[in-house]
C-alpha atoms as a PDB file:
ATOM      1  CA  MET A   1      77.938  89.749  73.385  1.00  0.00           C
ATOM      2  CA  ALA A   2      77.502  89.266  77.115  1.00  0.00           C
ATOM      3  CA  GLN A   3      74.449  87.285  78.097  1.00  0.00           C
ATOM      4  CA  CYS A   4      72.624  86.908  81.398  1.00  0.00           C
ATOM      5  CA  ALA A   5      72.440  83.423  82.842  1.00  0.00           C
ATOM      6  CA  TYR A   6      71.319  81.598  85.935  1.00  0.00           C
ATOM      7  CA  ILE A   7      71.855  78.166  87.446  1.00  0.00           C
ATOM      8  CA  ALA A   8      68.791  75.946  87.043  1.00  0.00           C
ATOM      9  CA  ASN A   9      68.142  72.538  88.543  1.00  0.00           C
ATOM     10  CA  VAL A  10      67.081  70.201  85.740  1.00  0.00           C
ATOM     11  CA  ALA A  11      66.313  66.624  86.745  1.00  0.00           C
ATOM     12  CA  GLY A  12      68.459  66.921  89.868  1.00  0.00           C
ATOM     13  CA  THR A  13      71.437  68.418  88.020  1.00  0.00           C
ATOM     14  CA  ASP A  14      72.489  72.065  88.113  1.00  0.00           C
ATOM     15  CA  VAL A  15      72.879  73.537  84.626  1.00  0.00           C
ATOM     16  CA  LEU A  16      73.656  76.997  83.296  1.00  0.00           C
ATOM     17  CA  ALA A  17      70.595  78.430  81.552  1.00  0.00           C
ATOM     18  CA  ALA A  18      70.203  81.601  79.504  1.00  0.00           C
ATOM     19  CA  ASP A  19      68.185  84.458  80.959  1.00  0.00           C
ATOM     20  CA  ALA A  20      66.024  86.769  78.847  1.00  0.00           C
ATOM     21  CA  ALA A  21      67.053  89.909  80.766  1.00  0.00           C
ATOM     22  CA  ALA A  22      69.252  92.532  79.136  1.00  0.00           C
ATOM     23  CA  SER A  23      72.936  92.143  80.013  1.00  0.00           C
ATOM     24  CA  GLY A  24      72.914  95.459  81.915  1.00  0.00           C
ATOM     25  CA  ALA A  25      70.093  94.252  84.175  1.00  0.00           C
ATOM     26  CA  CYS A  26      71.526  90.879  85.216  1.00  0.00           C
ATOM     27  CA  SER A  27      70.876  89.921  88.796  1.00  0.00           C
ATOM     28  CA  SER A  28      72.984  86.769  88.883  1.00  0.00           C
ATOM     29  CA  LEU A  29      75.542  85.576  86.303  1.00  0.00           C
ATOM     30  CA  VAL A  30      76.943  87.055  83.086  1.00  0.00           C
ATOM     31  CA  VAL A  31      78.406  84.810  80.400  1.00  0.00           C
ATOM     32  CA  LEU A  32      81.130  86.377  78.225  1.00  0.00           C
ATOM     33  CA  SER A  33      82.396  85.365  74.813  1.00  0.00           C
ATOM     34  CA  ALA A  34      86.071  84.433  74.440  1.00  0.00           C
ATOM     35  CA  ASP A  35      86.852  87.843  72.900  1.00  0.00           C
ATOM     36  CA  GLU A  36      85.055  89.735  75.680  1.00  0.00           C
ATOM     37  CA  PHE A  37      86.911  87.737  78.317  1.00  0.00           C
ATOM     38  CA  ALA A  38      90.274  88.451  76.638  1.00  0.00           C
ATOM     39  CA  ASN A  39      89.470  92.179  76.512  1.00  0.00           C
ATOM     40  CA  TRP A  40      88.411  92.130  80.158  1.00  0.00           C
ATOM     41  CA  GLN A  41      91.705  90.499  81.175  1.00  0.00           C
ATOM     42  CA  ASN A  42      93.706  93.188  79.316  1.00  0.00           C
ATOM     43  CA  ASN A  43      91.869  96.012  81.088  1.00  0.00           C
ATOM     44  CA  PRO A  44      94.437  98.188  82.908  1.00  0.00           C
ATOM     45  CA  LEU A  45      91.955  98.740  85.754  1.00  0.00           C
ATOM     46  CA  ASN A  46      91.629  94.987  86.356  1.00  0.00           C
ATOM     47  CA  LEU A  47      94.134  94.827  89.237  1.00  0.00           C
ATOM     48  CA  SER A  48      94.944  92.154  91.751  1.00  0.00           C
ATOM     49  CA  ALA A  49      95.114  93.115  95.431  1.00  0.00           C
ATOM     50  CA  ALA A  50      98.921  93.214  95.252  1.00  0.00           C
ATOM     51  CA  ASP A  51      98.843  95.455  92.167  1.00  0.00           C
ATOM     52  CA  GLY A  52      96.340  97.778  93.841  1.00  0.00           C
ATOM     53  CA  LEU A  53      98.542  97.984  96.912  1.00  0.00           C
ATOM     54  CA  THR A  54     101.565  98.846  94.751  1.00  0.00           C
ATOM     55  CA  VAL A  55      99.671 101.658  93.018  1.00  0.00           C
ATOM     56  CA  SER A  56      98.327 103.064  96.295  1.00  0.00           C
ATOM     57  CA  VAL A  57     101.793 102.991  97.931  1.00  0.00           C
ATOM     58  CA  ALA A  58     103.226 104.816  94.916  1.00  0.00           C
ATOM     59  CA  ILE A  59     100.531 107.505  95.132  1.00  0.00           C
ATOM     60  CA  VAL A  60     101.060 107.993  98.872  1.00  0.00           C
ATOM     61  CA  GLY A  61     104.831 108.086  98.323  1.00  0.00           C
ATOM     62  CA  VAL A  62     104.576 110.835  95.715  1.00  0.00           C
ATOM     63  CA  TRP A  63     102.209 112.787  97.969  1.00  0.00           C
ATOM     64  CA  ALA A  64     104.596 112.431 100.948  1.00  0.00           C
ATOM     65  CA  ALA A  65     107.590 113.553  98.864  1.00  0.00           C
ATOM     66  CA  ALA A  66     105.688 116.629  97.664  1.00  0.00           C
ATOM     67  CA  PHE A  67     104.622 117.426 101.232  1.00  0.00           C
ATOM     68  CA  GLY A  68     108.231 117.133 102.403  1.00  0.00           C
ATOM     69  CA  TRP A  69     109.535 119.393  99.630  1.00  0.00           C
ATOM     70  CA  ARG A  70     106.823 121.958 100.419  1.00  0.00           C
ATOM     71  CA  ALA A  71     107.769 121.945 104.107  1.00  0.00           C
ATOM     72  CA  LEU A  72     111.470 122.310 103.259  1.00  0.00           C
ATOM     73  CA  VAL A  73     110.857 125.225 100.883  1.00  0.00           C
ATOM     74  CA  ARG A  74     108.606 126.974 103.397  1.00  0.00           C
ATOM     75  CA  THR A  75     111.255 126.537 106.093  1.00  0.00           C
ATOM     76  CA  LEU A  76     114.055 127.873 103.907  1.00  0.00           C
ATOM     77  CA  ASN A  77     111.990 130.874 102.766  1.00  0.00           C
ATOM     78  CA  ASN A  78     111.088 131.906 106.321  1.00  0.00           C
ATOM     79  CA  ASN A  79     114.065 134.127 107.187  1.00  0.00           C
ATOM     80  CA  ASP A  80     112.627 136.408 109.860  1.00  0.00           C
ATOM     81  CA  GLY A  81     112.441 133.758 112.621  1.00  0.00           C
ATOM     82  CA  GLU A  82     108.713 134.230 113.050  1.00  0.00           C
ATOM     83  CA  PRO A  83     106.261 131.395 112.497  1.00  0.00           C
ATOM     84  CA  PHE A  84     105.043 131.229 108.908  1.00  0.00           C
ATOM     85  CA  SER A  85     101.561 132.610 108.322  1.00  0.00           C
ATOM     86  CA  GLU A  86      99.469 131.824 105.276  1.00  0.00           C
END
């Protein structure tokens, strides 16, 4: 279970100390168990900056392709030579 923690100075040395706050109300550090950390690493939404960029480029690419197909279809369906009106 995740536990709140804070860095305390004990006899001139910084140590990690447990905090009594609930894990959802932590204002500083959260300590995870080994299992929680492994699950967090396997989270599909845990992306690096490069992975996030790849996903965003793919989304924009699909949107641009759809926009291009829509423009092509509208152009081919407009046979009267007049500008297309919605």
